[in-house]
């Protein structure tokens, strides 16, 4: 089986590009792929979070800032992730407002789904 480096050498030779640093080109391609992959993971993670949030709303949960039991709303920023009642869910905030450790739950789901799709295709 021909590897990526060999395919790149054949490709560049076909283009009339003689000697080039295949290792450097391969590294550049991997960095571009890695950056694009990271962007896709973040996009998918946000979608996972939004879908989860909608399901939680259907189950009767709400974000702490929408809790009917809040008596001192001016303290909401101080207690942003405080659970005011049993139906408060402290992760019910827009994805970009979540702490990194909470975002990672959604990233794990996104990565797992992508890995399963790759296995199905492979």
C-alpha atoms as a PDB file:
ATOM      1  CA  UNK A   1       0.000   0.000   0.000  1.00  0.00           C
ATOM      2  CA  UNK A   2       1.293   3.449  -0.915  1.00  0.00           C
ATOM      3  CA  UNK A   3       1.552   5.907   1.972  1.00  0.00           C
ATOM      4  CA  UNK A   4       0.669   9.589   2.053  1.00  0.00           C
ATOM      5  CA  UNK A   5       4.271  10.718   1.599  1.00  0.00           C
ATOM      6  CA  UNK A   6       4.714   8.546  -1.472  1.00  0.00           C
ATOM      7  CA  UNK A   7       1.447   9.840  -2.938  1.00  0.00           C
ATOM      8  CA  UNK A   8       2.572  13.423  -2.352  1.00  0.00           C
ATOM      9  CA  UNK A   9       5.903  12.742  -4.097  1.00  0.00           C
ATOM     10  CA  UNK A  10       4.063  11.287  -7.102  1.00  0.00           C
ATOM     11  CA  UNK A  11       1.648  14.223  -7.134  1.00  0.00           C
ATOM     12  CA  UNK A  12       4.380  16.871  -6.967  1.00  0.00           C
ATOM     13  CA  UNK A  13       6.438  15.101  -9.611  1.00  0.00           C
ATOM     14  CA  UNK A  14       3.361  15.033 -11.870  1.00  0.00           C
ATOM     15  CA  UNK A  15       3.006  18.794 -11.374  1.00  0.00           C
ATOM     16  CA  UNK A  16       6.607  19.263 -12.413  1.00  0.00           C
ATOM     17  CA  UNK A  17       7.678  20.206  -8.914  1.00  0.00           C
ATOM     18  CA  UNK A  18      10.943  18.453  -8.311  1.00  0.00           C
ATOM     19  CA  UNK A  19      12.450  17.992  -4.915  1.00  0.00           C
ATOM     20  CA  UNK A  20      10.485  19.323  -1.973  1.00  0.00           C
ATOM     21  CA  UNK A  21      10.424  18.624   1.725  1.00  0.00           C
ATOM     22  CA  UNK A  22       7.607  16.068   1.950  1.00  0.00           C
ATOM     23  CA  UNK A  23       7.887  15.929   5.748  1.00  0.00           C
ATOM     24  CA  UNK A  24       7.318  19.687   5.987  1.00  0.00           C
ATOM     25  CA  UNK A  25       4.394  19.586   3.543  1.00  0.00           C
ATOM     26  CA  UNK A  26       2.847  16.625   5.372  1.00  0.00           C
ATOM     27  CA  UNK A  27       3.202  18.528   8.660  1.00  0.00           C
ATOM     28  CA  UNK A  28       1.501  21.598   7.136  1.00  0.00           C
ATOM     29  CA  UNK A  29      -1.361  19.481   5.803  1.00  0.00           C
ATOM     30  CA  UNK A  30      -1.812  17.812   9.201  1.00  0.00           C
ATOM     31  CA  UNK A  31      -1.882  21.220  10.938  1.00  0.00           C
ATOM     32  CA  UNK A  32      -4.532  22.504   8.519  1.00  0.00           C
ATOM     33  CA  UNK A  33      -6.577  19.318   8.971  1.00  0.00           C
ATOM     34  CA  UNK A  34      -6.173  19.493  12.740  1.00  0.00           C
ATOM     35  CA  UNK A  35      -7.353  23.133  12.873  1.00  0.00           C
ATOM     36  CA  UNK A  36     -10.357  22.365  10.653  1.00  0.00           C
ATOM     37  CA  UNK A  37     -11.151  19.280  12.716  1.00  0.00           C
ATOM     38  CA  UNK A  38     -11.029  21.318  15.942  1.00  0.00           C
ATOM     39  CA  UNK A  39     -13.428  23.898  14.449  1.00  0.00           C
ATOM     40  CA  UNK A  40     -15.790  21.089  13.421  1.00  0.00           C
ATOM     41  CA  UNK A  41     -15.662  19.563  16.904  1.00  0.00           C
ATOM     42  CA  UNK A  42     -16.572  22.923  18.469  1.00  0.00           C
ATOM     43  CA  UNK A  43     -19.422  23.434  16.000  1.00  0.00           C
ATOM     44  CA  UNK A  44     -20.746  19.915  16.612  1.00  0.00           C
ATOM     45  CA  UNK A  45     -20.304  20.283  20.367  1.00  0.00           C
ATOM     46  CA  UNK A  46     -22.421  23.422  20.371  1.00  0.00           C
ATOM     47  CA  UNK A  47     -25.120  21.616  18.367  1.00  0.00           C
ATOM     48  CA  UNK A  48     -25.020  18.696  20.830  1.00  0.00           C
ATOM     49  CA  UNK A  49     -25.411  21.155  23.709  1.00  0.00           C
ATOM     50  CA  UNK A  50     -28.317  22.970  22.057  1.00  0.00           C
ATOM     51  CA  UNK A  51     -30.130  19.697  21.370  1.00  0.00           C
ATOM     52  CA  UNK A  52     -29.551  18.542  24.957  1.00  0.00           C
ATOM     53  CA  UNK A  53     -30.831  21.927  26.224  1.00  0.00           C
ATOM     54  CA  UNK A  54     -34.051  21.654  24.203  1.00  0.00           C
ATOM     55  CA  UNK A  55     -34.645  18.145  25.579  1.00  0.00           C
ATOM     56  CA  UNK A  56     -34.104  19.370  29.139  1.00  0.00           C
ATOM     57  CA  UNK A  57     -36.660  22.149  28.555  1.00  0.00           C
ATOM     58  CA  UNK A  58     -39.185  19.545  27.357  1.00  0.00           C
ATOM     59  CA  UNK A  59     -38.515  17.655  30.594  1.00  0.00           C
ATOM     60  CA  UNK A  60     -39.427  20.758  32.607  1.00  0.00           C
ATOM     61  CA  UNK A  61     -35.943  21.981  33.541  1.00  0.00           C
ATOM     62  CA  UNK A  62     -34.875  25.611  33.321  1.00  0.00           C
ATOM     63  CA  UNK A  63     -31.723  27.663  33.617  1.00  0.00           C
ATOM     64  CA  UNK A  64     -31.012  29.097  37.073  1.00  0.00           C
ATOM     65  CA  UNK A  65     -31.534  32.647  35.778  1.00  0.00           C
ATOM     66  CA  UNK A  66     -35.100  31.701  34.777  1.00  0.00           C
ATOM     67  CA  UNK A  67     -35.957  30.073  38.094  1.00  0.00           C
ATOM     68  CA  UNK A  68     -39.239  31.268  39.610  1.00  0.00           C
ATOM     69  CA  UNK A  69     -37.723  30.770  43.090  1.00  0.00           C
ATOM     70  CA  UNK A  70     -35.105  33.519  42.748  1.00  0.00           C
ATOM     71  CA  UNK A  71     -35.854  36.125  45.361  1.00  0.00           C
ATOM     72  CA  UNK A  72     -32.823  38.341  44.781  1.00  0.00           C
ATOM     73  CA  UNK A  73     -32.334  38.573  41.016  1.00  0.00           C
ATOM     74  CA  UNK A  74     -29.572  41.172  41.330  1.00  0.00           C
ATOM     75  CA  UNK A  75     -27.320  38.391  42.674  1.00  0.00           C
ATOM     76  CA  UNK A  76     -27.766  36.169  39.635  1.00  0.00           C
ATOM     77  CA  UNK A  77     -24.254  36.797  38.223  1.00  0.00           C
ATOM     78  CA  UNK A  78     -22.750  35.937  41.577  1.00  0.00           C
ATOM     79  CA  UNK A  79     -24.818  32.739  41.681  1.00  0.00           C
ATOM     80  CA  UNK A  80     -24.936  32.036  37.953  1.00  0.00           C
ATOM     81  CA  UNK A  81     -24.469  28.294  38.425  1.00  0.00           C
ATOM     82  CA  UNK A  82     -26.482  27.998  41.620  1.00  0.00           C
ATOM     83  CA  UNK A  83     -29.274  25.437  41.709  1.00  0.00           C
ATOM     84  CA  UNK A  84     -32.247  27.345  43.145  1.00  0.00           C
ATOM     85  CA  UNK A  85     -34.749  24.487  42.893  1.00  0.00           C
ATOM     86  CA  UNK A  86     -34.883  20.817  41.796  1.00  0.00           C
ATOM     87  CA  UNK A  87     -35.741  21.885  38.228  1.00  0.00           C
ATOM     88  CA  UNK A  88     -32.785  24.268  37.877  1.00  0.00           C
ATOM     89  CA  UNK A  89     -30.033  22.845  35.693  1.00  0.00           C
ATOM     90  CA  UNK A  90     -26.745  24.676  35.975  1.00  0.00           C
ATOM     91  CA  UNK A  91     -25.614  23.727  32.439  1.00  0.00           C
ATOM     92  CA  UNK A  92     -28.569  25.411  30.734  1.00  0.00           C
ATOM     93  CA  UNK A  93     -26.654  28.359  29.347  1.00  0.00           C
ATOM     94  CA  UNK A  94     -25.478  29.163  25.828  1.00  0.00           C
ATOM     95  CA  UNK A  95     -22.483  27.028  24.877  1.00  0.00           C
ATOM     96  CA  UNK A  96     -20.081  29.985  24.762  1.00  0.00           C
ATOM     97  CA  UNK A  97     -20.948  30.882  28.385  1.00  0.00           C
ATOM     98  CA  UNK A  98     -20.199  27.424  29.778  1.00  0.00           C
ATOM     99  CA  UNK A  99     -17.014  26.637  31.686  1.00  0.00           C
ATOM    100  CA  UNK A 100     -14.498  24.535  29.738  1.00  0.00           C
ATOM    101  CA  UNK A 101     -15.044  21.428  31.857  1.00  0.00           C
ATOM    102  CA  UNK A 102     -18.756  21.462  30.954  1.00  0.00           C
ATOM    103  CA  UNK A 103     -18.045  22.083  27.250  1.00  0.00           C
ATOM    104  CA  UNK A 104     -15.823  19.014  27.325  1.00  0.00           C
ATOM    105  CA  UNK A 105     -18.888  16.790  27.955  1.00  0.00           C
ATOM    106  CA  UNK A 106     -20.289  17.938  24.613  1.00  0.00           C
ATOM    107  CA  UNK A 107     -16.902  17.560  22.888  1.00  0.00           C
ATOM    108  CA  UNK A 108     -16.652  13.969  24.083  1.00  0.00           C
ATOM    109  CA  UNK A 109     -20.078  13.252  22.583  1.00  0.00           C
ATOM    110  CA  UNK A 110     -19.159  14.936  19.281  1.00  0.00           C
ATOM    111  CA  UNK A 111     -15.841  13.046  19.044  1.00  0.00           C
ATOM    112  CA  UNK A 112     -17.541   9.753  19.874  1.00  0.00           C
ATOM    113  CA  UNK A 113     -20.181  10.198  17.195  1.00  0.00           C
ATOM    114  CA  UNK A 114     -17.563  11.135  14.604  1.00  0.00           C
ATOM    115  CA  UNK A 115     -15.443   8.112  15.541  1.00  0.00           C
ATOM    116  CA  UNK A 116     -18.498   5.841  15.200  1.00  0.00           C
ATOM    117  CA  UNK A 117     -19.261   7.299  11.763  1.00  0.00           C
ATOM    118  CA  UNK A 118     -15.646   6.747  10.687  1.00  0.00           C
ATOM    119  CA  UNK A 119     -15.856   3.113  11.826  1.00  0.00           C
ATOM    120  CA  UNK A 120     -19.072   2.626   9.855  1.00  0.00           C
ATOM    121  CA  UNK A 121     -17.472   4.100   6.723  1.00  0.00           C
ATOM    122  CA  UNK A 122     -14.156   2.283   7.181  1.00  0.00           C
END
